[in-house]
Structure formats: structure tokens, C-alpha cells
Amino acid sequence: MNINYYKNTVNIFAHTSVPWQQDILFDFLKKLKLKADSSTLDVGSGIGNNIGTLLEFFNNITATDISKGALRLSSEKFKNNNINFEVANLQKMPFADNSFDLVICTEVIEHCENPVEALKELKRILKKDGYLIISAPNYFNFAGLYKSISEKMFNRLWDAWGNHENGVENFITCNKLKKYFNNLNLEIIADRGGDLIRSWLPFFKKYYNFIDKHPSLRLNKKWPFKLVAMNYFCILRKSN
């Protein structure tokens, strides 16, 4: 596994996310009701999927990614907007303590070599009582069972999308994330799942377009479905 894969390669699939995730991000941002001038950071911004949604709420946005190429594509797409683009490694961010009211980090933490250290860094740059919106693949399901067995037996990386064969795809579950958050005193304000179908049918790649059009968003909000879906989304608050 090599973190430089994300730094040196502009793989559109590795630097993007499915469109339905923006529905969840939009819903979360509506819940927070932050001011338009709130300092907002999109970490691991990739080719800018989150930026379009963030622009509907905020006018003080910074976007970072380890890939210069991905940020170049994003900056070209949003060149008419006042967005600060910076190349940065999540585990060593170039920002002072308590810099942001809101930090977004979707589908990134699982690609870090040390997810706990990455979360500590996100907490460091977040203001007191600031919010962190985070998501990651949740392997507390059949796909996760297959991943665990496959990687132990064949000693090779496996992820449900097949987009990170040369990168890092840590085995993460919603329960493991909750443990990380608790240890760091990050309070969960809201959580939900996403992509319930793929968590139990991870091999039907030729049907992924159908699956992405039917992510079962309502069902993903309910217990226990939100805990066994393919992705896990949280709003966290830094209280100290």
C-alpha cells in the first residue's frame, strides 16, 4: 500500500465520490445552520465533488488535497469562485490550531496510513465547538467479511469499488470509527449509513450504475441499517 499513489496519480475514480453523497452532505449542512462566512475546509477535496454543495452554504472555503493534479482540475472547474486551494497531507496540515468552524472529510480517512493520527490533526485545526463532517467505507457487513478473508488469505488489497488497488484502503467499520471519536472526545451529533445495497452485493460491478441510482437513502437513516451500509457518515463536534 502506498500513499504516494494519491499524491502522484490523478485517478478520477480515486479522487471522486458518487453523486448521492452530496444529498447526505446537503442534509447535514442544513442541520448545522452555520453562517455563510464560517471558515470551511474540505480535506481530501479531490476533483471538487463537495465544493459545489459547499458553495450553496458558504463563501469562505479552503480545499486541500495531496494531489496537485486533482486540485488543478478542481480549481479550473471553480475558477470563478473565491476558493483557496492548497496542496496538503491530511496527517500534517499547514494550518494553525483552531482555524476552522467546519471541516469536511469524506471518503479520505480510510486512505490514510494512520487514521487515528489523521483524526487528531482534523481535531487540532478545528475550533472549539466547531463541526467535523466525516465519512468512510464501513466494512461491518458482507463486503467487509469478504475483504478481511481475502486480504488475509491472498495478502492483497481489496475494496468494494476496485479503485484503490495501488493505494491504501484500511479496514474500517462504524464501530471502529465510533471508538476513535470517543477516544478523541469528538461528540457524534448525527450519523447515518449510505449505499446499503453494495454492502451486501459487492461483486455486481456491471450493475453499479443501477446501485448508485438507488442508494436507499431513507433506509440508511434507520437503525440497524445505518450500521451495516457500505458507508458511514457522521457530524461530530469538538467540545474541548
Protein backbone atom coordinates (compact mmCIF):
# COMPACT_ATOMS: atom_id res chain seq x y z
CA MET A 1 0.00 0.00 0.00
CA ASN A 2 1.42 3.38 -0.99
CA ILE A 3 0.10 6.83 -0.02
CA ASN A 4 2.13 8.34 -2.88
CA TYR A 5 -0.40 6.76 -5.25
CA TYR A 6 -2.81 9.57 -4.35
CA LYS A 7 -0.09 12.22 -4.49
CA ASN A 8 1.38 11.35 -7.87
CA THR A 9 -1.62 9.99 -9.78
CA VAL A 10 -4.74 11.76 -10.96
CA ASN A 11 -7.08 8.80 -11.00
CA ILE A 12 -10.56 10.25 -11.49
CA PHE A 13 -12.15 7.33 -9.64
CA ALA A 14 -9.73 7.59 -6.71
CA HIS A 15 -10.29 11.35 -6.39
CA THR A 16 -14.07 11.45 -6.67
CA SER A 17 -17.25 10.18 -4.99
CA VAL A 18 -20.69 9.08 -6.12
CA PRO A 19 -23.28 11.87 -6.63
CA TRP A 20 -25.71 10.67 -3.93
CA GLN A 21 -23.18 11.52 -1.23
CA GLN A 22 -23.92 15.17 -1.94
CA ASP A 23 -27.52 14.59 -0.83
CA ILE A 24 -26.24 13.48 2.57
CA LEU A 25 -23.75 16.37 2.80
CA PHE A 26 -26.51 18.85 1.89
CA ASP A 27 -28.81 17.37 4.54
CA PHE A 28 -26.07 17.57 7.19
CA LEU A 29 -25.25 21.19 6.34
CA LYS A 30 -28.90 22.16 6.63
CA LYS A 31 -28.95 20.68 10.15
CA LEU A 32 -25.94 22.73 11.24
CA LYS A 33 -27.29 26.12 10.10
CA LEU A 34 -23.87 27.76 10.15
CA LYS A 35 -23.30 31.33 8.94
CA ALA A 36 -22.25 31.89 5.34
CA ASP A 37 -18.88 33.35 6.39
CA SER A 38 -17.98 30.35 8.58
CA SER A 39 -14.43 29.22 7.87
CA THR A 40 -14.84 25.94 5.99
CA LEU A 41 -12.24 23.37 4.96
CA ASP A 42 -12.74 20.47 2.53
CA VAL A 43 -9.97 17.94 3.24
CA GLY A 44 -9.04 15.48 0.50
CA SER A 45 -11.16 17.55 -1.85
CA GLY A 46 -10.03 15.63 -4.93
CA ILE A 47 -11.61 16.92 -8.13
CA GLY A 48 -14.07 19.01 -6.11
CA ASN A 49 -17.25 16.95 -5.67
CA ASN A 50 -18.07 18.57 -2.33
CA ILE A 51 -17.33 22.13 -3.41
CA GLY A 52 -20.49 22.65 -5.43
CA THR A 53 -22.57 21.72 -2.38
CA LEU A 54 -20.47 23.83 0.00
CA LEU A 55 -20.92 26.88 -2.23
CA GLU A 56 -24.65 26.72 -1.58
CA PHE A 57 -23.93 27.47 2.10
CA PHE A 58 -20.54 29.18 2.48
CA ASN A 59 -18.34 31.87 0.96
CA ASN A 60 -15.15 31.22 2.96
CA ILE A 61 -13.92 27.87 1.61
CA THR A 62 -10.48 26.24 1.56
CA ALA A 63 -9.90 22.99 -0.34
CA THR A 64 -6.89 20.74 0.19
CA ASP A 65 -5.65 17.52 -1.36
CA ILE A 66 -2.38 15.64 -1.54
CA SER A 67 -2.67 15.60 -5.34
CA LYS A 68 -1.66 18.73 -7.28
CA GLY A 69 -3.29 17.28 -10.36
CA ALA A 70 -6.66 16.75 -8.69
CA LEU A 71 -6.63 20.27 -7.25
CA ARG A 72 -5.73 21.70 -10.64
CA LEU A 73 -8.83 20.11 -12.16
CA SER A 74 -10.94 21.37 -9.28
CA SER A 75 -9.56 24.92 -9.42
CA GLU A 76 -10.27 25.08 -13.15
CA LYS A 77 -13.85 23.92 -12.57
CA PHE A 78 -14.46 26.51 -9.83
CA LYS A 79 -12.19 29.29 -11.14
CA ASN A 80 -14.98 31.88 -10.93
CA ASN A 81 -15.41 31.29 -7.19
CA ASN A 82 -13.29 32.67 -4.35
CA ILE A 83 -11.86 29.36 -3.09
CA ASN A 84 -8.43 28.83 -1.58
CA PHE A 85 -6.78 25.67 -2.96
CA GLU A 86 -3.78 24.23 -1.11
CA VAL A 87 -1.77 21.04 -1.56
CA ALA A 88 -1.59 19.35 1.84
CA ASN A 89 -1.17 15.97 3.52
CA LEU A 90 -4.02 15.26 5.93
CA GLN A 91 -1.63 13.95 8.57
CA LYS A 92 0.36 17.22 8.55
CA MET A 93 -1.94 20.13 7.72
CA PRO A 94 -0.45 23.62 7.10
CA PHE A 95 -2.94 25.38 9.37
CA ALA A 96 -2.77 26.75 12.90
CA ASP A 97 -4.67 25.23 15.79
CA ASN A 98 -8.37 26.19 16.00
CA SER A 99 -8.55 27.54 12.44
CA PHE A 100 -11.91 26.33 11.10
CA ASP A 101 -15.57 26.40 12.10
CA LEU A 102 -16.30 23.42 9.87
CA VAL A 103 -14.12 20.68 8.40
CA ILE A 104 -15.38 18.24 5.76
CA CYS A 105 -13.52 14.96 5.25
CA THR A 106 -15.47 12.49 3.10
CA GLU A 107 -14.06 9.18 1.86
CA VAL A 108 -10.49 10.09 2.83
CA ILE A 109 -9.68 8.76 6.30
CA GLU A 110 -9.62 5.15 5.10
CA HIS A 111 -6.81 6.02 2.67
CA CYS A 112 -4.51 7.41 5.39
CA GLU A 113 -1.63 5.29 6.61
CA ASN A 114 -2.59 6.21 10.19
CA PRO A 115 -6.30 7.10 10.51
CA VAL A 116 -6.05 7.97 14.22
CA GLU A 117 -3.26 10.49 13.65
CA ALA A 118 -5.28 11.95 10.78
CA LEU A 119 -8.29 12.41 13.07
CA LYS A 120 -6.09 14.09 15.67
CA GLU A 121 -4.94 16.53 13.01
CA LEU A 122 -8.51 17.28 11.96
CA LYS A 123 -9.42 17.95 15.59
CA ARG A 124 -6.37 20.19 16.06
CA ILE A 125 -7.32 22.60 13.27
CA LEU A 126 -10.99 22.69 14.28
CA LYS A 127 -12.22 25.50 16.53
CA LYS A 128 -13.77 24.72 19.89
CA ASP A 129 -17.43 23.84 19.31
CA GLY A 130 -16.61 23.51 15.61
CA TYR A 131 -18.02 20.71 13.49
CA LEU A 132 -16.45 17.86 11.54
CA ILE A 133 -18.43 16.05 8.85
CA ILE A 134 -16.73 12.78 8.05
CA SER A 135 -17.46 9.64 6.07
CA ALA A 136 -15.66 6.41 5.34
CA PRO A 137 -16.41 2.94 3.99
CA ASN A 138 -17.99 0.74 6.64
CA TYR A 139 -16.95 -2.90 6.39
CA PHE A 140 -19.32 -4.12 9.10
CA ASN A 141 -21.20 -6.21 6.53
CA PHE A 142 -20.71 -8.98 3.96
CA ALA A 143 -18.33 -6.87 1.88
CA GLY A 144 -16.19 -6.35 4.97
CA LEU A 145 -16.16 -10.05 5.75
CA TYR A 146 -15.00 -10.78 2.22
CA LYS A 147 -12.34 -8.05 2.44
CA SER A 148 -10.96 -9.42 5.71
CA ILE A 149 -10.79 -13.02 4.48
CA SER A 150 -9.48 -12.11 1.03
CA GLU A 151 -6.65 -9.92 2.31
CA LYS A 152 -5.56 -12.44 4.96
CA MET A 153 -5.63 -15.39 2.55
CA PHE A 154 -4.19 -13.73 -0.55
CA ASN A 155 -2.22 -10.84 1.01
CA ARG A 156 -3.60 -8.28 -1.41
CA LEU A 157 -5.73 -5.19 -1.08
CA TRP A 158 -9.46 -5.43 -1.79
CA ASP A 159 -12.08 -2.70 -1.75
CA ALA A 160 -15.67 -2.81 -2.92
CA TRP A 161 -15.14 -0.30 -5.72
CA GLY A 162 -11.81 -1.56 -7.05
CA ASN A 163 -10.44 1.99 -7.37
CA HIS A 164 -7.53 1.85 -4.93
CA GLU A 165 -5.56 -1.26 -5.85
CA ASN A 166 -2.28 0.66 -5.69
CA GLY A 167 -3.17 2.90 -2.76
CA VAL A 168 -4.40 2.47 0.80
CA GLU A 169 -7.80 1.06 1.77
CA ASN A 170 -7.83 0.45 5.52
CA PHE A 171 -10.31 -1.96 7.07
CA ILE A 172 -12.69 0.41 8.88
CA THR A 173 -16.06 -0.21 10.50
CA CYS A 174 -18.61 2.15 12.04
CA ASN A 175 -17.80 0.67 15.45
CA LYS A 176 -14.09 1.29 15.00
CA LEU A 177 -14.79 4.89 13.97
CA LYS A 178 -17.02 5.41 17.00
CA LYS A 179 -14.19 4.19 19.22
CA TYR A 180 -11.77 6.62 17.59
CA PHE A 181 -14.23 9.51 18.05
CA ASN A 182 -14.85 8.65 21.70
CA ASN A 183 -11.13 8.45 22.48
CA LEU A 184 -10.63 11.90 20.94
CA ASN A 185 -13.66 13.42 22.70
CA LEU A 186 -15.41 14.12 19.40
CA GLU A 187 -19.14 14.08 20.06
CA ILE A 188 -21.41 12.44 17.48
CA ILE A 189 -24.26 14.85 16.70
CA ALA A 190 -25.81 12.79 13.91
CA ASP A 191 -24.96 9.66 11.94
CA ARG A 192 -26.32 7.61 9.06
CA GLY A 193 -25.33 4.97 6.56
CA GLY A 194 -25.10 5.02 2.79
CA ASP A 195 -25.05 2.60 -0.14
CA LEU A 196 -26.84 -0.24 1.63
CA ILE A 197 -27.14 -2.41 -1.49
CA ARG A 198 -23.42 -2.59 -2.24
CA SER A 199 -22.57 -3.65 1.31
CA TRP A 200 -24.31 -6.99 0.69
CA LEU A 201 -23.84 -7.27 -3.09
CA PRO A 202 -20.26 -6.03 -3.57
CA PHE A 203 -19.42 -8.02 -6.70
CA PHE A 204 -22.01 -6.82 -9.22
CA LYS A 205 -19.81 -4.18 -10.84
CA LYS A 206 -21.76 -4.18 -14.09
CA TYR A 207 -24.82 -3.07 -12.07
CA TYR A 208 -23.05 -0.26 -10.20
CA ASN A 209 -24.87 2.42 -12.21
CA PHE A 210 -28.17 0.95 -11.03
CA ILE A 211 -26.91 0.66 -7.43
CA ASP A 212 -25.69 4.28 -7.42
CA LYS A 213 -29.12 5.44 -8.61
CA HIS A 214 -30.82 3.55 -5.77
CA PRO A 215 -28.71 4.14 -2.64
CA SER A 216 -31.69 3.57 -0.27
CA LEU A 217 -31.14 6.93 1.41
CA ARG A 218 -34.21 6.75 3.66
CA LEU A 219 -33.43 3.25 4.88
CA ASN A 220 -29.82 4.27 5.57
CA LYS A 221 -31.04 6.68 8.26
CA LYS A 222 -32.61 3.96 10.37
CA TRP A 223 -31.14 1.54 12.89
CA PRO A 224 -29.78 -1.08 12.31
CA PHE A 225 -29.43 -0.44 8.56
CA LYS A 226 -27.22 2.61 9.06
CA LEU A 227 -24.68 0.41 10.86
CA VAL A 228 -24.35 -2.20 8.10
CA ALA A 229 -24.36 0.00 4.98
CA MET A 230 -21.31 0.39 2.75
CA ASN A 231 -20.54 3.91 4.02
CA TYR A 232 -20.86 5.61 7.40
CA PHE A 233 -21.45 9.36 7.74
CA CYS A 234 -21.19 11.46 10.93
CA ILE A 235 -21.47 15.03 12.16
CA LEU A 236 -19.01 15.46 15.03
CA ARG A 237 -18.50 18.37 17.41
CA LYS A 238 -15.25 19.36 19.09
CA SER A 239 -16.11 20.24 22.67
CA ASN A 240 -12.60 20.78 24.01
